């Protein structure tokens, strides 16, 4: 198949990345962590692409974070230092985990003695050693040890096996979703919870070497979470409509969009494009200001994707004097970039409409 040289040649819908915006996002985060002496373990669930992980590593990241074993397997081709930020449960996953851990330095998040025991059993009889990060709940209420004493018990049990090694504490401040100008109180209360866990660990003579936190919405305030020394933001490389609505990035820092073609203008005050839920993903703006819809046009953010079916995206034209024609191309910034990327097979890197490279999204899927 002929490699496209310009966006006009792409079959739509297509995932497109503005190289200059992405580069600026990468440089901005690298500069921040260097200035605050934090290690950056970028979460690859956003881009799922080894070539882009290389760019993060080239800027000083000592390793990467992954959500799935498939991501870890793919990223092992570009780094030997991987954090699996998800509790591994079930024999098929544990067998694959042992294989990965035999090739790289693998750290794994664990939030219970049950998960730890299963991992230790899978490793028993091998010469593989896995670093264990004790994950604690600081407000997200999704996974993580709830009480400091529970975290201490997990940390102590790690030493029951020669195959597991206590590495530190991990948390995710994903509950902080307000506009960045309104995050001060929640950051302070979250910091207090973290300090309770750290205090219990120190008192138990289990002071953690690594204290891992971070999310894109709170990334540039990470130094306010006293005691942490590494962060794991992911979305920052591309940003999205949610990140912009939170004030965690400017609209001009959104690097990822879905190129789509207008296929119908028959209904007044709307246009239909060939990018629906199977290209953009149907997720609302959750808990943040910014309006309705599932995405907005990159060059006309007042035009939103007001509804979607599988292959149809409906643009709301009620607030614009723009009159699209059938055949026009548009670029949609999705509400949530990570899940949109996972729907595509390739990323098209572009500058000024010229396609510079096409990268396979090698770690997509499960």
Protein backbone atom coordinates (compact mmCIF):
# COMPACT_ATOMS: atom_id res chain seq x y z
CA UNK A 1 0.00 0.00 0.00
CA UNK A 2 1.29 3.44 -0.91
CA UNK A 3 2.40 5.51 2.06
CA UNK A 4 0.30 8.70 2.24
CA UNK A 5 2.27 11.94 2.02
CA UNK A 6 -0.49 14.38 2.93
CA UNK A 7 -3.55 14.33 5.18
CA UNK A 8 -5.75 14.69 2.09
CA UNK A 9 -4.60 11.23 1.01
CA UNK A 10 -5.62 9.48 4.22
CA UNK A 11 -8.52 7.08 4.38
CA UNK A 12 -10.81 8.41 7.08
CA UNK A 13 -11.33 8.16 9.96
CA UNK A 14 -7.65 8.33 10.87
CA UNK A 15 -5.72 9.05 14.06
CA UNK A 16 -3.48 12.06 13.54
CA UNK A 17 -0.75 13.56 15.74
CA UNK A 18 0.63 17.07 15.38
CA UNK A 19 4.37 16.42 15.82
CA UNK A 20 5.27 19.93 16.96
CA UNK A 21 2.58 19.99 19.65
CA UNK A 22 3.52 16.52 20.86
CA UNK A 23 7.21 17.46 21.01
CA UNK A 24 6.40 20.56 23.05
CA UNK A 25 4.30 18.47 25.45
CA UNK A 26 7.13 15.96 25.89
CA UNK A 27 9.69 18.70 26.50
CA UNK A 28 7.44 20.53 28.97
CA UNK A 29 7.00 17.46 31.19
CA UNK A 30 10.67 16.49 30.95
CA UNK A 31 11.64 19.99 32.04
CA UNK A 32 9.20 19.92 34.96
CA UNK A 33 10.39 16.61 36.42
CA UNK A 34 14.04 17.57 35.99
CA UNK A 35 13.42 20.85 37.80
CA UNK A 36 11.74 19.09 40.72
CA UNK A 37 14.02 16.02 40.84
CA UNK A 38 11.23 13.58 40.08
CA UNK A 39 11.58 10.40 38.07
CA UNK A 40 9.12 10.16 35.17
CA UNK A 41 7.60 6.77 34.41
CA UNK A 42 5.19 7.84 31.63
CA UNK A 43 2.07 5.72 31.27
CA UNK A 44 2.10 4.15 27.83
CA UNK A 45 -1.63 3.34 27.91
CA UNK A 46 -2.13 6.66 26.12
CA UNK A 47 -0.02 6.14 23.01
CA UNK A 48 0.69 2.36 23.10
CA UNK A 49 3.52 2.94 20.64
CA UNK A 50 7.18 1.92 21.21
CA UNK A 51 8.56 4.72 19.04
CA UNK A 52 6.85 7.32 21.22
CA UNK A 53 8.02 5.60 24.40
CA UNK A 54 11.54 5.98 22.99
CA UNK A 55 10.99 9.73 22.80
CA UNK A 56 10.00 9.78 26.47
CA UNK A 57 13.00 7.67 27.44
CA UNK A 58 15.31 9.86 25.37
CA UNK A 59 14.19 12.82 27.47
CA UNK A 60 15.29 11.20 30.71
CA UNK A 61 12.51 8.80 31.75
CA UNK A 62 14.21 5.83 33.49
CA UNK A 63 11.37 3.51 32.52
CA UNK A 64 7.70 3.35 31.57
CA UNK A 65 4.38 2.43 33.14
CA UNK A 66 1.99 -0.09 31.58
CA UNK A 67 -1.58 -1.10 32.35
CA UNK A 68 -1.61 -4.49 30.61
CA UNK A 69 0.81 -7.34 30.11
CA UNK A 70 0.48 -6.87 26.37
CA UNK A 71 1.71 -3.30 26.77
CA UNK A 72 4.58 -4.53 28.94
CA UNK A 73 5.55 -7.16 26.37
CA UNK A 74 5.57 -4.57 23.59
CA UNK A 75 7.44 -1.93 25.62
CA UNK A 76 10.11 -4.45 26.63
CA UNK A 77 11.51 -3.90 23.13
CA UNK A 78 12.52 -0.33 24.07
CA UNK A 79 13.20 -0.43 27.82
CA UNK A 80 14.26 -2.90 30.49
CA UNK A 81 12.51 -0.99 33.30
CA UNK A 82 8.72 -1.37 33.43
CA UNK A 83 6.09 -0.69 36.09
CA UNK A 84 2.90 -2.73 35.72
CA UNK A 85 0.36 -0.48 37.46
CA UNK A 86 -2.37 -3.08 37.70
CA UNK A 87 -2.83 -6.04 40.09
CA UNK A 88 -2.12 -9.29 38.19
CA UNK A 89 -4.74 -11.95 38.88
CA UNK A 90 -5.35 -15.36 37.21
CA UNK A 91 -2.91 -18.02 36.07
CA UNK A 92 -2.78 -17.00 32.38
CA UNK A 93 -1.76 -13.46 33.32
CA UNK A 94 0.72 -14.60 35.92
CA UNK A 95 2.39 -16.96 33.46
CA UNK A 96 2.87 -14.11 31.00
CA UNK A 97 4.07 -11.86 33.82
CA UNK A 98 6.81 -14.34 34.76
CA UNK A 99 7.94 -14.38 31.13
CA UNK A 100 8.13 -10.58 31.00
CA UNK A 101 9.88 -10.37 34.37
CA UNK A 102 12.52 -12.76 33.08
CA UNK A 103 13.48 -10.21 30.41
CA UNK A 104 13.19 -6.83 32.16
CA UNK A 105 13.28 -5.27 35.61
CA UNK A 106 9.57 -5.46 36.38
CA UNK A 107 7.79 -3.61 39.18
CA UNK A 108 4.22 -4.63 39.96
CA UNK A 109 1.47 -2.83 41.87
CA UNK A 110 -0.17 -4.98 44.56
CA UNK A 111 -2.97 -3.95 46.91
CA UNK A 112 -3.76 -7.13 48.85
CA UNK A 113 -2.17 -10.21 50.39
CA UNK A 114 -4.28 -12.38 48.07
CA UNK A 115 -2.80 -10.81 44.94
CA UNK A 116 0.69 -10.94 46.42
CA UNK A 117 0.33 -14.61 47.32
CA UNK A 118 -0.76 -15.54 43.80
CA UNK A 119 2.21 -13.69 42.34
CA UNK A 120 4.65 -15.31 44.74
CA UNK A 121 3.26 -18.77 43.91
CA UNK A 122 3.69 -18.12 40.18
CA UNK A 123 7.29 -17.04 40.70
CA UNK A 124 8.17 -19.93 43.04
CA UNK A 125 10.80 -22.24 41.61
CA UNK A 126 12.14 -19.65 39.19
CA UNK A 127 15.11 -17.34 39.55
CA UNK A 128 12.98 -14.33 38.58
CA UNK A 129 12.70 -11.44 41.07
CA UNK A 130 9.90 -8.87 40.85
CA UNK A 131 9.86 -5.51 42.61
CA UNK A 132 6.57 -4.92 44.44
CA UNK A 133 4.96 -1.51 44.79
CA UNK A 134 2.30 -1.47 47.52
CA UNK A 135 -0.62 0.44 46.04
CA UNK A 136 -2.66 2.56 48.45
CA UNK A 137 -6.02 4.29 48.04
CA UNK A 138 -5.82 8.06 48.57
CA UNK A 139 -9.31 8.94 47.34
CA UNK A 140 -10.00 7.29 43.99
CA UNK A 141 -11.70 4.30 45.68
CA UNK A 142 -10.88 1.94 42.84
CA UNK A 143 -7.93 -0.17 43.96
CA UNK A 144 -5.36 0.22 46.72
CA UNK A 145 -4.98 -0.67 50.39
CA UNK A 146 -7.43 1.41 52.44
CA UNK A 147 -5.65 1.46 55.81
CA UNK A 148 -1.98 2.12 56.59
CA UNK A 149 -1.81 -1.10 58.64
CA UNK A 150 -2.94 -3.06 55.56
CA UNK A 151 -0.15 -1.51 53.51
CA UNK A 152 2.37 -2.40 56.22
CA UNK A 153 1.15 -6.01 56.27
CA UNK A 154 1.56 -6.30 52.49
CA UNK A 155 5.05 -4.80 52.62
CA UNK A 156 6.12 -7.25 55.32
CA UNK A 157 4.70 -10.23 53.41
CA UNK A 158 6.70 -9.31 50.32
CA UNK A 159 9.84 -10.59 52.04
CA UNK A 160 8.25 -14.03 52.54
CA UNK A 161 9.50 -15.01 49.10
CA UNK A 162 12.95 -14.75 47.57
CA UNK A 163 11.23 -13.88 44.30
CA UNK A 164 9.63 -10.62 45.47
CA UNK A 165 11.33 -7.47 46.69
CA UNK A 166 9.72 -4.48 48.45
CA UNK A 167 10.23 -1.42 46.26
CA UNK A 168 7.90 1.26 47.63
CA UNK A 169 4.45 2.85 47.68
CA UNK A 170 2.22 3.78 44.75
CA UNK A 171 -0.93 5.90 44.55
CA UNK A 172 -3.11 7.46 41.87
CA UNK A 173 -4.78 10.85 42.54
CA UNK A 174 -7.40 10.23 39.85
CA UNK A 175 -10.17 11.57 42.08
CA UNK A 176 -8.79 15.08 41.61
CA UNK A 177 -10.67 16.18 38.51
CA UNK A 178 -11.54 19.81 39.15
CA UNK A 179 -10.14 22.68 37.17
CA UNK A 180 -6.47 23.12 38.10
CA UNK A 181 -7.31 26.45 39.71
CA UNK A 182 -9.54 24.61 42.20
CA UNK A 183 -7.32 21.64 43.08
CA UNK A 184 -5.48 23.16 46.04
CA UNK A 185 -7.78 21.77 48.75
CA UNK A 186 -7.93 18.22 47.35
CA UNK A 187 -4.17 18.16 46.85
CA UNK A 188 -3.72 19.15 50.50
CA UNK A 189 -6.15 16.51 51.80
CA UNK A 190 -4.61 13.86 49.56
CA UNK A 191 -1.14 14.83 50.76
CA UNK A 192 -2.31 14.27 54.35
CA UNK A 193 -3.51 10.75 53.49
CA UNK A 194 -0.22 9.93 51.77
CA UNK A 195 1.68 11.16 54.83
CA UNK A 196 -0.33 8.77 57.03
CA UNK A 197 0.77 5.83 54.89
CA UNK A 198 4.37 7.03 54.76
CA UNK A 199 4.43 7.54 58.52
CA UNK A 200 3.15 4.02 59.15
CA UNK A 201 5.78 2.59 56.82
CA UNK A 202 8.61 4.49 58.48
CA UNK A 203 7.40 3.48 61.94
CA UNK A 204 7.39 -0.16 60.82
CA UNK A 205 10.96 0.23 59.53
CA UNK A 206 9.67 -0.10 55.96
CA UNK A 207 10.51 3.33 54.58
CA UNK A 208 9.87 3.11 50.83
CA UNK A 209 12.64 3.75 48.33
CA UNK A 210 10.11 4.74 45.66
CA UNK A 211 6.94 6.75 46.23
CA UNK A 212 5.08 6.85 42.92
CA UNK A 213 2.13 9.12 42.15
CA UNK A 214 0.95 11.45 39.48
CA UNK A 215 -1.74 11.94 36.88
CA UNK A 216 -1.90 14.35 33.95
CA UNK A 217 -4.44 16.71 35.63
CA UNK A 218 -2.20 17.04 38.71
CA UNK A 219 1.15 16.45 37.01
CA UNK A 220 2.57 19.97 37.25
CA UNK A 221 1.61 20.13 40.94
CA UNK A 222 3.27 16.81 41.79
CA UNK A 223 5.94 18.51 43.88
CA UNK A 224 3.16 19.52 46.30
CA UNK A 225 2.63 15.85 47.20
CA UNK A 226 5.47 15.84 49.70
CA UNK A 227 7.48 12.64 49.84
CA UNK A 228 6.93 11.38 46.31
CA UNK A 229 9.88 10.94 43.98
CA UNK A 230 8.29 9.66 40.76
CA UNK A 231 5.17 10.30 38.69
CA UNK A 232 3.27 8.38 36.00
CA UNK A 233 1.24 10.77 33.80
CA UNK A 234 0.16 9.43 30.42
CA UNK A 235 -2.30 11.74 28.65
CA UNK A 236 0.12 14.69 28.66
CA UNK A 237 1.89 13.50 25.50
CA UNK A 238 -1.27 14.20 23.43
CA UNK A 239 -3.76 15.87 25.80
CA UNK A 240 -7.49 15.88 25.01
CA UNK A 241 -10.70 17.81 25.48
CA UNK A 242 -11.01 16.76 29.12
CA UNK A 243 -7.46 17.83 29.93
CA UNK A 244 -8.13 21.20 28.31
CA UNK A 245 -11.44 21.62 30.15
CA UNK A 246 -9.60 21.05 33.44
CA UNK A 247 -7.07 23.71 32.56
CA UNK A 248 -4.27 21.14 32.67
CA UNK A 249 -3.34 22.15 29.12
CA UNK A 250 -4.20 24.86 26.62
CA UNK A 251 -6.34 23.93 23.64
CA UNK A 252 -3.29 24.62 21.47
CA UNK A 253 -1.49 21.79 23.33
CA UNK A 254 -3.93 19.14 22.08
CA UNK A 255 -1.74 17.11 19.71
CA UNK A 256 -4.08 14.22 18.86
CA UNK A 257 -7.19 14.34 16.70
CA UNK A 258 -9.33 12.14 14.50
CA UNK A 259 -9.34 13.16 10.85
CA UNK A 260 -12.86 12.69 9.49
CA UNK A 261 -14.82 13.49 6.34
CA UNK A 262 -18.18 15.25 6.16
CA UNK A 263 -20.60 12.80 4.52
CA UNK A 264 -23.93 14.58 4.94
CA UNK A 265 -25.37 18.05 5.60
CA UNK A 266 -28.99 17.22 4.87
CA UNK A 267 -30.30 18.01 8.35
CA UNK A 268 -30.30 21.73 9.24
CA UNK A 269 -27.77 22.94 11.82
CA UNK A 270 -25.77 19.74 11.81
CA UNK A 271 -23.25 17.82 9.73
CA UNK A 272 -22.46 14.12 9.76
CA UNK A 273 -18.88 12.82 9.62
CA UNK A 274 -17.53 9.31 9.11
CA UNK A 275 -16.10 9.05 12.64
CA UNK A 276 -18.43 7.62 15.26
CA UNK A 277 -18.00 5.72 18.49
CA UNK A 278 -15.65 3.20 16.84
CA UNK A 279 -13.16 5.97 16.06
CA UNK A 280 -13.68 8.72 18.65
CA UNK A 281 -15.14 6.73 21.58
CA UNK A 282 -18.34 7.67 23.33
CA UNK A 283 -17.32 9.16 26.65
CA UNK A 284 -18.80 12.27 28.22
CA UNK A 285 -16.84 15.00 29.99
CA UNK A 286 -16.96 13.58 33.51
CA UNK A 287 -16.86 15.90 36.49
CA UNK A 288 -15.34 18.84 34.65
CA UNK A 289 -16.72 21.96 33.01
CA UNK A 290 -16.55 22.42 29.27
CA UNK A 291 -19.91 21.63 27.77
CA UNK A 292 -21.67 18.63 26.32
CA UNK A 293 -20.72 16.26 23.55
CA UNK A 294 -18.03 13.68 22.91
CA UNK A 295 -15.40 15.83 21.23
CA UNK A 296 -14.82 19.15 19.51
CA UNK A 297 -13.20 20.30 16.29
CA UNK A 298 -9.53 21.14 16.60
CA UNK A 299 -9.78 24.42 14.70
CA UNK A 300 -13.35 25.22 15.79
CA UNK A 301 -13.75 24.13 19.43
CA UNK A 302 -17.22 25.70 19.50
CA UNK A 303 -18.34 22.92 17.13
CA UNK A 304 -18.91 19.79 19.21
CA UNK A 305 -19.70 16.19 18.37
CA UNK A 306 -23.15 16.23 19.94
CA UNK A 307 -24.01 12.58 19.36
CA UNK A 308 -22.63 9.42 17.81
CA UNK A 309 -23.54 6.01 16.56
CA UNK A 310 -20.97 3.43 15.55
CA UNK A 311 -19.94 4.98 12.22
CA UNK A 312 -21.61 8.41 12.39
CA UNK A 313 -20.54 11.51 14.27
CA UNK A 314 -23.06 14.36 14.44
CA UNK A 315 -21.56 17.85 14.53
CA UNK A 316 -23.63 20.60 16.18
CA UNK A 317 -23.56 23.69 13.95
CA UNK A 318 -26.02 25.75 16.02
CA UNK A 319 -23.28 27.97 17.51
CA UNK A 320 -21.21 28.64 14.40
CA UNK A 321 -21.58 30.42 11.06
CA UNK A 322 -19.34 27.78 9.44
CA UNK A 323 -21.15 25.92 6.68
CA UNK A 324 -19.36 22.67 5.89
CA UNK A 325 -19.81 20.91 2.58
CA UNK A 326 -19.90 17.21 1.82
CA UNK A 327 -16.30 16.09 1.34
CA UNK A 328 -14.77 18.62 3.76
CA UNK A 329 -12.21 17.24 6.20
CA UNK A 330 -12.35 17.99 9.93
CA UNK A 331 -10.21 17.03 12.92
CA UNK A 332 -11.94 15.98 16.13
CA UNK A 333 -10.29 16.22 19.55
CA UNK A 334 -11.90 13.44 21.62
CA UNK A 335 -12.94 13.82 25.24
CA UNK A 336 -10.64 10.93 26.21
CA UNK A 337 -7.61 10.34 24.03
CA UNK A 338 -6.41 7.04 25.53
CA UNK A 339 -9.47 5.02 24.56
CA UNK A 340 -9.63 6.66 21.13
CA UNK A 341 -6.04 5.66 20.34
CA UNK A 342 -6.86 2.07 21.28
CA UNK A 343 -9.52 1.99 18.53
CA UNK A 344 -6.98 2.64 15.76
CA UNK A 345 -4.17 0.62 14.21
CA UNK A 346 -1.84 3.49 13.26
CA UNK A 347 -0.85 7.00 14.27
CA UNK A 348 -0.15 9.45 11.45
CA UNK A 349 2.45 11.99 12.50
CA UNK A 350 2.00 15.27 10.64
CA UNK A 351 3.31 18.79 10.34
CA UNK A 352 1.44 21.41 8.36
CA UNK A 353 -0.68 18.76 6.67
CA UNK A 354 2.33 16.71 5.54
CA UNK A 355 2.45 13.13 6.83
CA UNK A 356 5.95 12.63 8.24
CA UNK A 357 5.59 9.08 9.54
CA UNK A 358 3.05 6.34 10.18
CA UNK A 359 3.47 4.37 13.40
CA UNK A 360 1.79 1.10 14.26
CA UNK A 361 -0.03 1.20 17.60
CA UNK A 362 1.65 -2.04 18.57
CA UNK A 363 0.30 -2.35 22.13
CA UNK A 364 -3.37 -1.71 21.32
CA UNK A 365 -5.98 -4.14 22.56
CA UNK A 366 -5.67 -6.29 25.64
